[in-house]
């Protein structure tokens, strides 16, 4: 099981996550990164999924490293 987390407070609205992985990421009405289908926990977006799809690529492309990927509860990126 994978979990993707976006720390929205640190987002710089560059759009790299959306460019790399449009099936999981979009910029919301405030131009802040949003995980499609996620739930809001405090001011973070969190999504649990069986397949991380391109979440790792999006995390690696983020210039401010606010996208985190966990596998079975362990942060892998």
PDB file of N, CA and C in Angstrom:
ATOM      1  N   UNK A   1       0.849  -1.183   0.000  1.00  0.00           N
ATOM      2  CA  UNK A   1       0.000   0.000   0.000  1.00  0.00           C
ATOM      3  C   UNK A   1       0.888   1.237   0.000  1.00  0.00           C
ATOM      4  N   UNK A   2       0.543   2.199  -0.825  1.00  0.00           N
ATOM      5  CA  UNK A   2       1.268   3.457  -0.923  1.00  0.00           C
ATOM      6  C   UNK A   2       0.426   4.591  -0.368  1.00  0.00           C
ATOM      7  N   UNK A   3       1.094   5.607   0.152  1.00  0.00           N
ATOM      8  CA  UNK A   3       0.419   6.824   0.567  1.00  0.00           C
ATOM      9  C   UNK A   3       1.201   8.000  -0.002  1.00  0.00           C
ATOM     10  N   UNK A   4       0.485   8.894  -0.673  1.00  0.00           N
ATOM     11  CA  UNK A   4       1.067  10.122  -1.202  1.00  0.00           C
ATOM     12  C   UNK A   4       0.610  11.273  -0.325  1.00  0.00           C
ATOM     13  N   UNK A   5       1.535  12.176   0.001  1.00  0.00           N
ATOM     14  CA  UNK A   5       1.228  13.327   0.839  1.00  0.00           C
ATOM     15  C   UNK A   5       1.805  14.575   0.190  1.00  0.00           C
ATOM     16  N   UNK A   6       1.002  15.628   0.106  1.00  0.00           N
ATOM     17  CA  UNK A   6       1.463  16.928  -0.370  1.00  0.00           C
ATOM     18  C   UNK A   6       1.346  17.916   0.789  1.00  0.00           C
ATOM     19  N   UNK A   7       2.469  18.535   1.148  1.00  0.00           N
ATOM     20  CA  UNK A   7       2.487  19.590   2.155  1.00  0.00           C
ATOM     21  C   UNK A   7       2.128  20.901   1.458  1.00  0.00           C
ATOM     22  N   UNK A   8       0.868  21.230   1.441  1.00  0.00           N
ATOM     23  CA  UNK A   8       0.361  22.351   0.662  1.00  0.00           C
ATOM     24  C   UNK A   8       0.969  23.698   1.059  1.00  0.00           C
ATOM     25  N   UNK A   9       1.320  23.869   2.322  1.00  0.00           N
ATOM     26  CA  UNK A   9       1.877  25.143   2.777  1.00  0.00           C
ATOM     27  C   UNK A   9       3.203  25.480   2.098  1.00  0.00           C
ATOM     28  N   UNK A  10       3.938  24.476   1.648  1.00  0.00           N
ATOM     29  CA  UNK A  10       5.238  24.714   1.027  1.00  0.00           C
ATOM     30  C   UNK A  10       5.206  24.789  -0.482  1.00  0.00           C
ATOM     31  N   UNK A  11       4.039  24.600  -1.082  1.00  0.00           N
ATOM     32  CA  UNK A  11       3.921  24.572  -2.548  1.00  0.00           C
ATOM     33  C   UNK A  11       4.241  25.946  -3.140  1.00  0.00           C
ATOM     34  N   UNK A  12       5.051  25.949  -4.195  1.00  0.00           N
ATOM     35  CA  UNK A  12       5.421  27.195  -4.881  1.00  0.00           C
ATOM     36  C   UNK A  12       4.639  27.391  -6.181  1.00  0.00           C
ATOM     37  N   UNK A  13       3.671  26.527  -6.453  1.00  0.00           N
ATOM     38  CA  UNK A  13       2.791  26.632  -7.634  1.00  0.00           C
ATOM     39  C   UNK A  13       3.530  26.509  -8.954  1.00  0.00           C
ATOM     40  N   UNK A  14       4.628  25.760  -8.966  1.00  0.00           N
ATOM     41  CA  UNK A  14       5.402  25.627 -10.207  1.00  0.00           C
ATOM     42  C   UNK A  14       4.717  24.722 -11.227  1.00  0.00           C
ATOM     43  N   UNK A  15       3.889  23.779 -10.757  1.00  0.00           N
ATOM     44  CA  UNK A  15       3.150  22.904 -11.656  1.00  0.00           C
ATOM     45  C   UNK A  15       3.921  21.695 -12.161  1.00  0.00           C
ATOM     46  N   UNK A  16       5.121  21.453 -11.643  1.00  0.00           N
ATOM     47  CA  UNK A  16       5.900  20.313 -12.132  1.00  0.00           C
ATOM     48  C   UNK A  16       5.201  18.985 -11.844  1.00  0.00           C
ATOM     49  N   UNK A  17       4.532  18.868 -10.698  1.00  0.00           N
ATOM     50  CA  UNK A  17       3.829  17.622 -10.374  1.00  0.00           C
ATOM     51  C   UNK A  17       2.722  17.352 -11.388  1.00  0.00           C
ATOM     52  N   UNK A  18       1.991  18.386 -11.737  1.00  0.00           N
ATOM     53  CA  UNK A  18       0.904  18.256 -12.711  1.00  0.00           C
ATOM     54  C   UNK A  18       1.455  17.930 -14.099  1.00  0.00           C
ATOM     55  N   UNK A  19       2.578  18.520 -14.466  1.00  0.00           N
ATOM     56  CA  UNK A  19       3.192  18.243 -15.768  1.00  0.00           C
ATOM     57  C   UNK A  19       3.641  16.794 -15.877  1.00  0.00           C
ATOM     58  N   UNK A  20       4.247  16.271 -14.804  1.00  0.00           N
ATOM     59  CA  UNK A  20       4.806  14.920 -14.800  1.00  0.00           C
ATOM     60  C   UNK A  20       3.732  13.856 -14.594  1.00  0.00           C
ATOM     61  N   UNK A  21       2.704  14.183 -13.808  1.00  0.00           N
ATOM     62  CA  UNK A  21       1.720  13.180 -13.405  1.00  0.00           C
ATOM     63  C   UNK A  21       0.301  13.761 -13.365  1.00  0.00           C
ATOM     64  N   UNK A  22      -0.249  14.133 -14.537  1.00  0.00           N
ATOM     65  CA  UNK A  22      -1.574  14.766 -14.551  1.00  0.00           C
ATOM     66  C   UNK A  22      -2.712  13.858 -14.104  1.00  0.00           C
ATOM     67  N   UNK A  23      -2.502  12.545 -14.077  1.00  0.00           N
ATOM     68  CA  UNK A  23      -3.567  11.660 -13.612  1.00  0.00           C
ATOM     69  C   UNK A  23      -3.711  11.671 -12.090  1.00  0.00           C
ATOM     70  N   UNK A  24      -2.696  12.166 -11.368  1.00  0.00           N
ATOM     71  CA  UNK A  24      -2.767  12.227  -9.904  1.00  0.00           C
ATOM     72  C   UNK A  24      -2.734  13.641  -9.347  1.00  0.00           C
ATOM     73  N   UNK A  25      -2.141  14.584 -10.070  1.00  0.00           N
ATOM     74  CA  UNK A  25      -1.940  15.926  -9.523  1.00  0.00           C
ATOM     75  C   UNK A  25      -2.560  17.001 -10.402  1.00  0.00           C
ATOM     76  N   UNK A  26      -3.052  18.031  -9.740  1.00  0.00           N
ATOM     77  CA  UNK A  26      -3.542  19.225 -10.426  1.00  0.00           C
ATOM     78  C   UNK A  26      -3.298  20.413  -9.506  1.00  0.00           C
ATOM     79  N   UNK A  27      -3.300  21.605 -10.086  1.00  0.00           N
ATOM     80  CA  UNK A  27      -3.246  22.811  -9.272  1.00  0.00           C
ATOM     81  C   UNK A  27      -4.675  23.239  -9.005  1.00  0.00           C
ATOM     82  N   UNK A  28      -4.992  23.527  -7.741  1.00  0.00           N
ATOM     83  CA  UNK A  28      -6.359  23.911  -7.393  1.00  0.00           C
ATOM     84  C   UNK A  28      -6.616  25.371  -7.742  1.00  0.00           C
ATOM     85  N   UNK A  29      -7.762  25.883  -7.328  1.00  0.00           N
ATOM     86  CA  UNK A  29      -8.158  27.259  -7.673  1.00  0.00           C
ATOM     87  C   UNK A  29      -7.188  28.303  -7.133  1.00  0.00           C
ATOM     88  N   UNK A  30      -6.403  27.957  -6.122  1.00  0.00           N
ATOM     89  CA  UNK A  30      -5.393  28.866  -5.582  1.00  0.00           C
ATOM     90  C   UNK A  30      -4.003  28.594  -6.136  1.00  0.00           C
ATOM     91  N   UNK A  31      -3.937  27.761  -7.185  1.00  0.00           N
ATOM     92  CA  UNK A  31      -2.676  27.349  -7.823  1.00  0.00           C
ATOM     93  C   UNK A  31      -1.755  26.594  -6.864  1.00  0.00           C
ATOM     94  N   UNK A  32      -2.351  25.825  -5.956  1.00  0.00           N
ATOM     95  CA  UNK A  32      -1.605  24.984  -5.018  1.00  0.00           C
ATOM     96  C   UNK A  32      -1.783  23.524  -5.440  1.00  0.00           C
ATOM     97  N   UNK A  33      -0.699  22.748  -5.343  1.00  0.00           N
ATOM     98  CA  UNK A  33      -0.749  21.336  -5.717  1.00  0.00           C
ATOM     99  C   UNK A  33      -1.831  20.598  -4.940  1.00  0.00           C
ATOM    100  N   UNK A  34      -2.554  19.748  -5.654  1.00  0.00           N
ATOM    101  CA  UNK A  34      -3.648  18.963  -5.082  1.00  0.00           C
ATOM    102  C   UNK A  34      -3.571  17.560  -5.663  1.00  0.00           C
ATOM    103  N   UNK A  35      -3.711  16.546  -4.792  1.00  0.00           N
ATOM    104  CA  UNK A  35      -3.781  15.163  -5.256  1.00  0.00           C
ATOM    105  C   UNK A  35      -5.238  14.862  -5.564  1.00  0.00           C
ATOM    106  N   UNK A  36      -5.522  14.493  -6.782  1.00  0.00           N
ATOM    107  CA  UNK A  36      -6.890  14.197  -7.215  1.00  0.00           C
ATOM    108  C   UNK A  36      -7.439  13.014  -6.405  1.00  0.00           C
ATOM    109  N   UNK A  37      -8.601  13.204  -5.804  1.00  0.00           N
ATOM    110  CA  UNK A  37      -9.250  12.148  -5.022  1.00  0.00           C
ATOM    111  C   UNK A  37      -8.729  12.008  -3.604  1.00  0.00           C
ATOM    112  N   UNK A  38      -7.908  12.943  -3.167  1.00  0.00           N
ATOM    113  CA  UNK A  38      -7.302  12.850  -1.832  1.00  0.00           C
ATOM    114  C   UNK A  38      -8.227  13.403  -0.759  1.00  0.00           C
ATOM    115  N   UNK A  39      -7.822  13.179   0.486  1.00  0.00           N
ATOM    116  CA  UNK A  39      -8.513  13.797   1.615  1.00  0.00           C
ATOM    117  C   UNK A  39      -7.575  14.839   2.213  1.00  0.00           C
ATOM    118  N   UNK A  40      -8.160  15.866   2.814  1.00  0.00           N
ATOM    119  CA  UNK A  40      -7.392  16.948   3.437  1.00  0.00           C
ATOM    120  C   UNK A  40      -7.189  16.617   4.900  1.00  0.00           C
ATOM    121  N   UNK A  41      -5.938  16.572   5.338  1.00  0.00           N
ATOM    122  CA  UNK A  41      -5.581  16.348   6.732  1.00  0.00           C
ATOM    123  C   UNK A  41      -4.749  17.551   7.149  1.00  0.00           C
ATOM    124  N   UNK A  42      -5.289  18.363   8.059  1.00  0.00           N
ATOM    125  CA  UNK A  42      -4.721  19.679   8.359  1.00  0.00           C
ATOM    126  C   UNK A  42      -4.655  20.435   7.035  1.00  0.00           C
ATOM    127  N   UNK A  43      -3.487  20.855   6.593  1.00  0.00           N
ATOM    128  CA  UNK A  43      -3.418  21.499   5.269  1.00  0.00           C
ATOM    129  C   UNK A  43      -2.606  20.654   4.304  1.00  0.00           C
ATOM    130  N   UNK A  44      -2.591  19.345   4.530  1.00  0.00           N
ATOM    131  CA  UNK A  44      -1.925  18.421   3.619  1.00  0.00           C
ATOM    132  C   UNK A  44      -2.972  17.621   2.859  1.00  0.00           C
ATOM    133  N   UNK A  45      -2.636  17.240   1.625  1.00  0.00           N
ATOM    134  CA  UNK A  45      -3.466  16.285   0.886  1.00  0.00           C
ATOM    135  C   UNK A  45      -2.847  14.912   1.074  1.00  0.00           C
ATOM    136  N   UNK A  46      -3.695  13.897   1.330  1.00  0.00           N
ATOM    137  CA  UNK A  46      -3.220  12.530   1.512  1.00  0.00           C
ATOM    138  C   UNK A  46      -4.084  11.582   0.690  1.00  0.00           C
ATOM    139  N   UNK A  47      -3.414  10.634   0.028  1.00  0.00           N
ATOM    140  CA  UNK A  47      -4.117   9.632  -0.761  1.00  0.00           C
ATOM    141  C   UNK A  47      -3.447   8.289  -0.563  1.00  0.00           C
ATOM    142  N   UNK A  48      -4.233   7.301  -0.132  1.00  0.00           N
ATOM    143  CA  UNK A  48      -3.737   5.934  -0.048  1.00  0.00           C
ATOM    144  C   UNK A  48      -4.145   5.216  -1.314  1.00  0.00           C
ATOM    145  N   UNK A  49      -3.212   4.439  -1.875  1.00  0.00           N
ATOM    146  CA  UNK A  49      -3.451   3.789  -3.150  1.00  0.00           C
ATOM    147  C   UNK A  49      -2.663   2.488  -3.247  1.00  0.00           C
ATOM    148  N   UNK A  50      -3.166   1.569  -4.020  1.00  0.00           N
ATOM    149  CA  UNK A  50      -2.463   0.303  -4.251  1.00  0.00           C
ATOM    150  C   UNK A  50      -1.271   0.504  -5.177  1.00  0.00           C
ATOM    151  N   UNK A  51      -1.393   1.459  -6.105  1.00  0.00           N
ATOM    152  CA  UNK A  51      -0.374   1.695  -7.126  1.00  0.00           C
ATOM    153  C   UNK A  51       0.008   3.167  -7.076  1.00  0.00           C
ATOM    154  N   UNK A  52       1.265   3.447  -6.842  1.00  0.00           N
ATOM    155  CA  UNK A  52       1.675   4.845  -6.725  1.00  0.00           C
ATOM    156  C   UNK A  52       1.680   5.562  -8.073  1.00  0.00           C
ATOM    157  N   UNK A  53       1.456   4.803  -9.156  1.00  0.00           N
ATOM    158  CA  UNK A  53       1.430   5.347 -10.512  1.00  0.00           C
ATOM    159  C   UNK A  53       2.668   6.195 -10.727  1.00  0.00           C
ATOM    160  N   UNK A  54       2.492   7.455 -10.988  1.00  0.00           N
ATOM    161  CA  UNK A  54       3.631   8.332 -11.254  1.00  0.00           C
ATOM    162  C   UNK A  54       3.913   9.251 -10.081  1.00  0.00           C
ATOM    163  N   UNK A  55       3.424   8.898  -8.890  1.00  0.00           N
ATOM    164  CA  UNK A  55       3.638   9.724  -7.713  1.00  0.00           C
ATOM    165  C   UNK A  55       5.104   9.915  -7.375  1.00  0.00           C
ATOM    166  N   UNK A  56       5.910   8.874  -7.581  1.00  0.00           N
ATOM    167  CA  UNK A  56       7.347   8.994  -7.315  1.00  0.00           C
ATOM    168  C   UNK A  56       7.979   9.986  -8.282  1.00  0.00           C
ATOM    169  N   UNK A  57       7.596   9.918  -9.551  1.00  0.00           N
ATOM    170  CA  UNK A  57       8.129  10.867 -10.536  1.00  0.00           C
ATOM    171  C   UNK A  57       7.760  12.302 -10.169  1.00  0.00           C
ATOM    172  N   UNK A  58       6.527  12.503  -9.719  1.00  0.00           N
ATOM    173  CA  UNK A  58       6.088  13.845  -9.318  1.00  0.00           C
ATOM    174  C   UNK A  58       6.879  14.321  -8.110  1.00  0.00           C
ATOM    175  N   UNK A  59       7.090  13.429  -7.141  1.00  0.00           N
ATOM    176  CA  UNK A  59       7.862  13.799  -5.950  1.00  0.00           C
ATOM    177  C   UNK A  59       9.285  14.172  -6.319  1.00  0.00           C
ATOM    178  N   UNK A  60       9.879  13.414  -7.220  1.00  0.00           N
ATOM    179  CA  UNK A  60      11.250  13.704  -7.652  1.00  0.00           C
ATOM    180  C   UNK A  60      11.339  15.005  -8.439  1.00  0.00           C
ATOM    181  N   UNK A  61      10.258  15.384  -9.118  1.00  0.00           N
ATOM    182  CA  UNK A  61      10.275  16.605  -9.927  1.00  0.00           C
ATOM    183  C   UNK A  61      10.013  17.866  -9.113  1.00  0.00           C
ATOM    184  N   UNK A  62       9.523  17.713  -7.887  1.00  0.00           N
ATOM    185  CA  UNK A  62       9.150  18.869  -7.066  1.00  0.00           C
ATOM    186  C   UNK A  62      10.409  19.607  -6.584  1.00  0.00           C
ATOM    187  N   UNK A  63      10.569  20.876  -6.980  1.00  0.00           N
ATOM    188  CA  UNK A  63      11.784  21.600  -6.601  1.00  0.00           C
ATOM    189  C   UNK A  63      11.885  21.912  -5.105  1.00  0.00           C
ATOM    190  N   UNK A  64      10.762  21.907  -4.396  1.00  0.00           N
ATOM    191  CA  UNK A  64      10.788  22.203  -2.963  1.00  0.00           C
ATOM    192  C   UNK A  64      10.513  20.963  -2.105  1.00  0.00           C
ATOM    193  N   UNK A  65      10.421  19.805  -2.741  1.00  0.00           N
ATOM    194  CA  UNK A  65      10.307  18.506  -2.076  1.00  0.00           C
ATOM    195  C   UNK A  65       9.178  18.443  -1.047  1.00  0.00           C
ATOM    196  N   UNK A  66       7.978  18.888  -1.463  1.00  0.00           N
ATOM    197  CA  UNK A  66       6.829  18.851  -0.551  1.00  0.00           C
ATOM    198  C   UNK A  66       5.914  17.663  -0.825  1.00  0.00           C
ATOM    199  N   UNK A  67       6.296  16.807  -1.788  1.00  0.00           N
ATOM    200  CA  UNK A  67       5.527  15.599  -2.089  1.00  0.00           C
ATOM    201  C   UNK A  67       6.276  14.419  -1.487  1.00  0.00           C
ATOM    202  N   UNK A  68       5.569  13.650  -0.663  1.00  0.00           N
ATOM    203  CA  UNK A  68       6.185  12.507   0.014  1.00  0.00           C
ATOM    204  C   UNK A  68       5.465  11.234  -0.405  1.00  0.00           C
ATOM    205  N   UNK A  69       6.233  10.160  -0.550  1.00  0.00           N
ATOM    206  CA  UNK A  69       5.679   8.853  -0.923  1.00  0.00           C
ATOM    207  C   UNK A  69       6.066   7.867   0.165  1.00  0.00           C
ATOM    208  N   UNK A  70       5.052   7.153   0.665  1.00  0.00           N
ATOM    209  CA  UNK A  70       5.261   6.131   1.694  1.00  0.00           C
ATOM    210  C   UNK A  70       4.837   4.767   1.118  1.00  0.00           C
ATOM    211  N   UNK A  71       5.596   3.748   1.462  1.00  0.00           N
ATOM    212  CA  UNK A  71       5.194   2.382   1.109  1.00  0.00           C
ATOM    213  C   UNK A  71       5.119   1.588   2.400  1.00  0.00           C
ATOM    214  N   UNK A  72       3.941   1.049   2.674  1.00  0.00           N
ATOM    215  CA  UNK A  72       3.692   0.283   3.900  1.00  0.00           C
ATOM    216  C   UNK A  72       4.125   1.065   5.142  1.00  0.00           C
ATOM    217  N   UNK A  73       3.834   2.373   5.170  1.00  0.00           N
ATOM    218  CA  UNK A  73       4.104   3.208   6.330  1.00  0.00           C
ATOM    219  C   UNK A  73       5.506   3.769   6.430  1.00  0.00           C
ATOM    220  N   UNK A  74       6.384   3.418   5.485  1.00  0.00           N
ATOM    221  CA  UNK A  74       7.774   3.870   5.499  1.00  0.00           C
ATOM    222  C   UNK A  74       7.983   4.869   4.371  1.00  0.00           C
ATOM    223  N   UNK A  75       8.536   6.040   4.703  1.00  0.00           N
ATOM    224  CA  UNK A  75       8.767   7.048   3.666  1.00  0.00           C
ATOM    225  C   UNK A  75       9.879   6.578   2.741  1.00  0.00           C
ATOM    226  N   UNK A  76       9.558   6.507   1.438  1.00  0.00           N
ATOM    227  CA  UNK A  76      10.564   6.082   0.450  1.00  0.00           C
ATOM    228  C   UNK A  76      11.050   7.264  -0.373  1.00  0.00           C
ATOM    229  N   UNK A  77      10.346   8.389  -0.291  1.00  0.00           N
ATOM    230  CA  UNK A  77      10.793   9.595  -0.990  1.00  0.00           C
ATOM    231  C   UNK A  77      10.155  10.808  -0.358  1.00  0.00           C
TER     232      UNK A  77
END
